[in-house]
Amino acid sequence: MEANTVRYSDKDLEEFKAIILEKLQMATEDLVLIKSAYKNGSDNGTDDTSPTFKAFEEGSETMSKEANVQLAIRQEKFIRDLKNALIRIENKTYGICRVTGQLINKERLKLVPHATLSMEAKNKQ
């Protein structure tokens, strides 16, 4: 049956791989920044700013620390998803919708390179 052989060409896969590697690099750098932001804790360089801002800063510190932790968790998941996409490229199963078995639109993959669902399947969720 022909339908099972639907896949992106090696040339396309190489193109996607480059996009993913670039995103992976940026995501990893972002994660380092996020983590250093909540590890460095209280001193956010607010020494010379107005007292009002300083009071606000201290109150929002716990909140922003939690927000940063959430950001870091999301970023780690994003990195994991990108690494899984690289594995699918190696297996030549990249860009195939896990629900419909059809190719995921190229433009969608360029925007969301770790996508495993076509828009059709995603909209049905």
C-alpha atoms as a PDB file:
ATOM      1  CA  MET A   1       0.000   0.000   0.000  1.00  0.00           C
ATOM      2  CA  GLU A   2       1.398   3.374  -1.094  1.00  0.00           C
ATOM      3  CA  ALA A   3       0.108   5.424   1.873  1.00  0.00           C
ATOM      4  CA  ASN A   4       2.676   3.940   4.257  1.00  0.00           C
ATOM      5  CA  THR A   5       5.580   5.288   2.222  1.00  0.00           C
ATOM      6  CA  VAL A   6       4.517   8.926   2.590  1.00  0.00           C
ATOM      7  CA  ARG A   7       7.434  10.877   4.016  1.00  0.00           C
ATOM      8  CA  TYR A   8       9.555  13.966   3.513  1.00  0.00           C
ATOM      9  CA  SER A   9      12.585  13.693   1.234  1.00  0.00           C
ATOM     10  CA  ASP A  10      16.069  13.519   2.730  1.00  0.00           C
ATOM     11  CA  LYS A  11      16.666  17.035   1.425  1.00  0.00           C
ATOM     12  CA  ASP A  12      13.580  18.294   3.287  1.00  0.00           C
ATOM     13  CA  LEU A  13      14.631  16.404   6.403  1.00  0.00           C
ATOM     14  CA  GLU A  14      18.053  18.071   6.290  1.00  0.00           C
ATOM     15  CA  GLU A  15      16.355  21.463   6.059  1.00  0.00           C
ATOM     16  CA  PHE A  16      14.139  20.683   9.056  1.00  0.00           C
ATOM     17  CA  LYS A  17      17.127  19.328  10.962  1.00  0.00           C
ATOM     18  CA  ALA A  18      18.946  22.660  10.511  1.00  0.00           C
ATOM     19  CA  ILE A  19      15.896  24.563  11.794  1.00  0.00           C
ATOM     20  CA  ILE A  20      15.570  22.241  14.796  1.00  0.00           C
ATOM     21  CA  LEU A  21      19.268  22.416  15.673  1.00  0.00           C
ATOM     22  CA  GLU A  22      19.115  26.208  15.577  1.00  0.00           C
ATOM     23  CA  LYS A  23      16.001  26.272  17.788  1.00  0.00           C
ATOM     24  CA  LEU A  24      17.612  23.746  20.128  1.00  0.00           C
ATOM     25  CA  GLN A  25      20.686  25.958  20.488  1.00  0.00           C
ATOM     26  CA  MET A  26      18.537  29.026  21.253  1.00  0.00           C
ATOM     27  CA  ALA A  27      16.259  27.110  23.620  1.00  0.00           C
ATOM     28  CA  THR A  28      19.245  25.771  25.552  1.00  0.00           C
ATOM     29  CA  GLU A  29      20.722  29.265  25.888  1.00  0.00           C
ATOM     30  CA  ASP A  30      17.325  30.602  27.028  1.00  0.00           C
ATOM     31  CA  LEU A  31      17.070  27.860  29.620  1.00  0.00           C
ATOM     32  CA  VAL A  32      20.471  28.832  31.049  1.00  0.00           C
ATOM     33  CA  LEU A  33      19.291  32.457  31.301  1.00  0.00           C
ATOM     34  CA  ILE A  34      15.996  31.492  32.932  1.00  0.00           C
ATOM     35  CA  LYS A  35      17.741  29.265  35.459  1.00  0.00           C
ATOM     36  CA  SER A  36      20.379  31.862  36.304  1.00  0.00           C
ATOM     37  CA  ALA A  37      17.588  34.430  36.790  1.00  0.00           C
ATOM     38  CA  TYR A  38      15.944  32.454  39.573  1.00  0.00           C
ATOM     39  CA  LYS A  39      19.171  31.150  41.070  1.00  0.00           C
ATOM     40  CA  ASN A  40      20.653  34.623  41.462  1.00  0.00           C
ATOM     41  CA  GLY A  41      17.645  35.477  43.565  1.00  0.00           C
ATOM     42  CA  SER A  42      17.021  38.868  45.050  1.00  0.00           C
ATOM     43  CA  ASP A  43      19.514  41.286  43.574  1.00  0.00           C
ATOM     44  CA  ASN A  44      17.999  42.287  40.262  1.00  0.00           C
ATOM     45  CA  GLY A  45      19.908  45.533  40.076  1.00  0.00           C
ATOM     46  CA  THR A  46      17.133  47.564  41.672  1.00  0.00           C
ATOM     47  CA  ASP A  47      19.452  49.333  44.147  1.00  0.00           C
ATOM     48  CA  ASP A  48      19.343  52.660  42.368  1.00  0.00           C
ATOM     49  CA  THR A  49      15.650  52.656  41.446  1.00  0.00           C
ATOM     50  CA  SER A  50      12.798  54.350  43.268  1.00  0.00           C
ATOM     51  CA  PRO A  51      11.717  52.972  46.678  1.00  0.00           C
ATOM     52  CA  THR A  52       8.206  52.296  45.333  1.00  0.00           C
ATOM     53  CA  PHE A  53       9.584  50.066  42.634  1.00  0.00           C
ATOM     54  CA  LYS A  54      11.857  48.357  45.126  1.00  0.00           C
ATOM     55  CA  ALA A  55       8.918  47.464  47.390  1.00  0.00           C
ATOM     56  CA  PHE A  56       7.008  46.155  44.387  1.00  0.00           C
ATOM     57  CA  GLU A  57      10.075  44.206  43.313  1.00  0.00           C
ATOM     58  CA  GLU A  58      10.379  42.429  46.666  1.00  0.00           C
ATOM     59  CA  GLY A  59       6.677  41.519  46.661  1.00  0.00           C
ATOM     60  CA  SER A  60       6.773  40.141  43.164  1.00  0.00           C
ATOM     61  CA  GLU A  61      10.010  38.277  43.729  1.00  0.00           C
ATOM     62  CA  THR A  62       8.412  35.054  44.932  1.00  0.00           C
ATOM     63  CA  MET A  63       5.926  35.282  42.096  1.00  0.00           C
ATOM     64  CA  SER A  64       8.583  35.858  39.478  1.00  0.00           C
ATOM     65  CA  LYS A  65      10.699  33.056  40.922  1.00  0.00           C
ATOM     66  CA  GLU A  66       7.736  30.684  40.534  1.00  0.00           C
ATOM     67  CA  ALA A  67       7.064  32.055  37.057  1.00  0.00           C
ATOM     68  CA  ASN A  68      10.708  31.445  36.146  1.00  0.00           C
ATOM     69  CA  VAL A  69      10.514  27.891  37.454  1.00  0.00           C
ATOM     70  CA  GLN A  70       7.404  27.346  35.303  1.00  0.00           C
ATOM     71  CA  LEU A  71       9.224  28.887  32.337  1.00  0.00           C
ATOM     72  CA  ALA A  72      12.196  26.606  32.926  1.00  0.00           C
ATOM     73  CA  ILE A  73       9.930  23.537  33.057  1.00  0.00           C
ATOM     74  CA  ARG A  74       8.237  24.564  29.796  1.00  0.00           C
ATOM     75  CA  GLN A  75      11.613  25.260  28.217  1.00  0.00           C
ATOM     76  CA  GLU A  76      12.913  21.822  29.268  1.00  0.00           C
ATOM     77  CA  LYS A  77       9.854  20.186  27.706  1.00  0.00           C
ATOM     78  CA  PHE A  78      10.405  22.217  24.509  1.00  0.00           C
ATOM     79  CA  ILE A  79      14.037  21.048  24.382  1.00  0.00           C
ATOM     80  CA  ARG A  80      12.924  17.433  24.925  1.00  0.00           C
ATOM     81  CA  ASP A  81      10.350  17.801  22.119  1.00  0.00           C
ATOM     82  CA  LEU A  82      13.001  19.196  19.771  1.00  0.00           C
ATOM     83  CA  LYS A  83      15.372  16.316  20.598  1.00  0.00           C
ATOM     84  CA  ASN A  84      12.561  13.839  19.912  1.00  0.00           C
ATOM     85  CA  ALA A  85      11.986  15.562  16.560  1.00  0.00           C
ATOM     86  CA  LEU A  86      15.664  14.980  15.716  1.00  0.00           C
ATOM     87  CA  ILE A  87      15.192  11.284  16.480  1.00  0.00           C
ATOM     88  CA  ARG A  88      12.173  11.215  14.128  1.00  0.00           C
ATOM     89  CA  ILE A  89      14.351  12.818  11.440  1.00  0.00           C
ATOM     90  CA  GLU A  90      16.930  10.038  11.886  1.00  0.00           C
ATOM     91  CA  ASN A  91      14.125   7.435  11.676  1.00  0.00           C
ATOM     92  CA  LYS A  92      12.696   9.244   8.634  1.00  0.00           C
ATOM     93  CA  THR A  93       9.311   9.442  10.382  1.00  0.00           C
ATOM     94  CA  TYR A  94       9.553  13.193  10.896  1.00  0.00           C
ATOM     95  CA  GLY A  95       6.651  15.357   9.744  1.00  0.00           C
ATOM     96  CA  ILE A  96       4.119  12.552   9.642  1.00  0.00           C
ATOM     97  CA  CYS A  97       0.944  13.213  11.656  1.00  0.00           C
ATOM     98  CA  ARG A  98       0.622  10.602  14.396  1.00  0.00           C
ATOM     99  CA  VAL A  99      -3.178  10.616  14.004  1.00  0.00           C
ATOM    100  CA  THR A 100      -3.851  10.828  10.262  1.00  0.00           C
ATOM    101  CA  GLY A 101      -0.580   9.388   8.968  1.00  0.00           C
ATOM    102  CA  GLN A 102      -0.466  12.240   6.451  1.00  0.00           C
ATOM    103  CA  LEU A 103       2.400  14.680   6.022  1.00  0.00           C
ATOM    104  CA  ILE A 104       2.187  17.703   8.289  1.00  0.00           C
ATOM    105  CA  ASN A 105       2.164  20.943   6.283  1.00  0.00           C
ATOM    106  CA  LYS A 106       5.692  22.231   5.648  1.00  0.00           C
ATOM    107  CA  GLU A 107       4.837  25.770   6.795  1.00  0.00           C
ATOM    108  CA  ARG A 108       3.485  24.411  10.088  1.00  0.00           C
ATOM    109  CA  LEU A 109       6.682  22.435  10.639  1.00  0.00           C
ATOM    110  CA  LYS A 110       8.800  25.511   9.963  1.00  0.00           C
ATOM    111  CA  LEU A 111       6.877  27.379  12.683  1.00  0.00           C
ATOM    112  CA  VAL A 112       6.487  24.429  15.067  1.00  0.00           C
ATOM    113  CA  PRO A 113       9.307  22.036  14.142  1.00  0.00           C
ATOM    114  CA  HIS A 114       8.461  19.609  16.957  1.00  0.00           C
ATOM    115  CA  ALA A 115       4.819  19.189  15.836  1.00  0.00           C
ATOM    116  CA  THR A 116       3.517  15.626  15.694  1.00  0.00           C
ATOM    117  CA  LEU A 117      -0.031  16.520  14.630  1.00  0.00           C
ATOM    118  CA  SER A 118      -1.353  18.037  11.436  1.00  0.00           C
ATOM    119  CA  MET A 119      -3.619  21.074  11.906  1.00  0.00           C
ATOM    120  CA  GLU A 120      -6.547  18.857  10.912  1.00  0.00           C
ATOM    121  CA  ALA A 121      -5.817  16.416  13.745  1.00  0.00           C
ATOM    122  CA  LYS A 122      -4.985  19.197  16.233  1.00  0.00           C
ATOM    123  CA  ASN A 123      -8.291  20.977  15.538  1.00  0.00           C
ATOM    124  CA  LYS A 124     -10.201  17.766  16.292  1.00  0.00           C
ATOM    125  CA  GLN A 125      -8.689  17.485  19.766  1.00  0.00           C
END
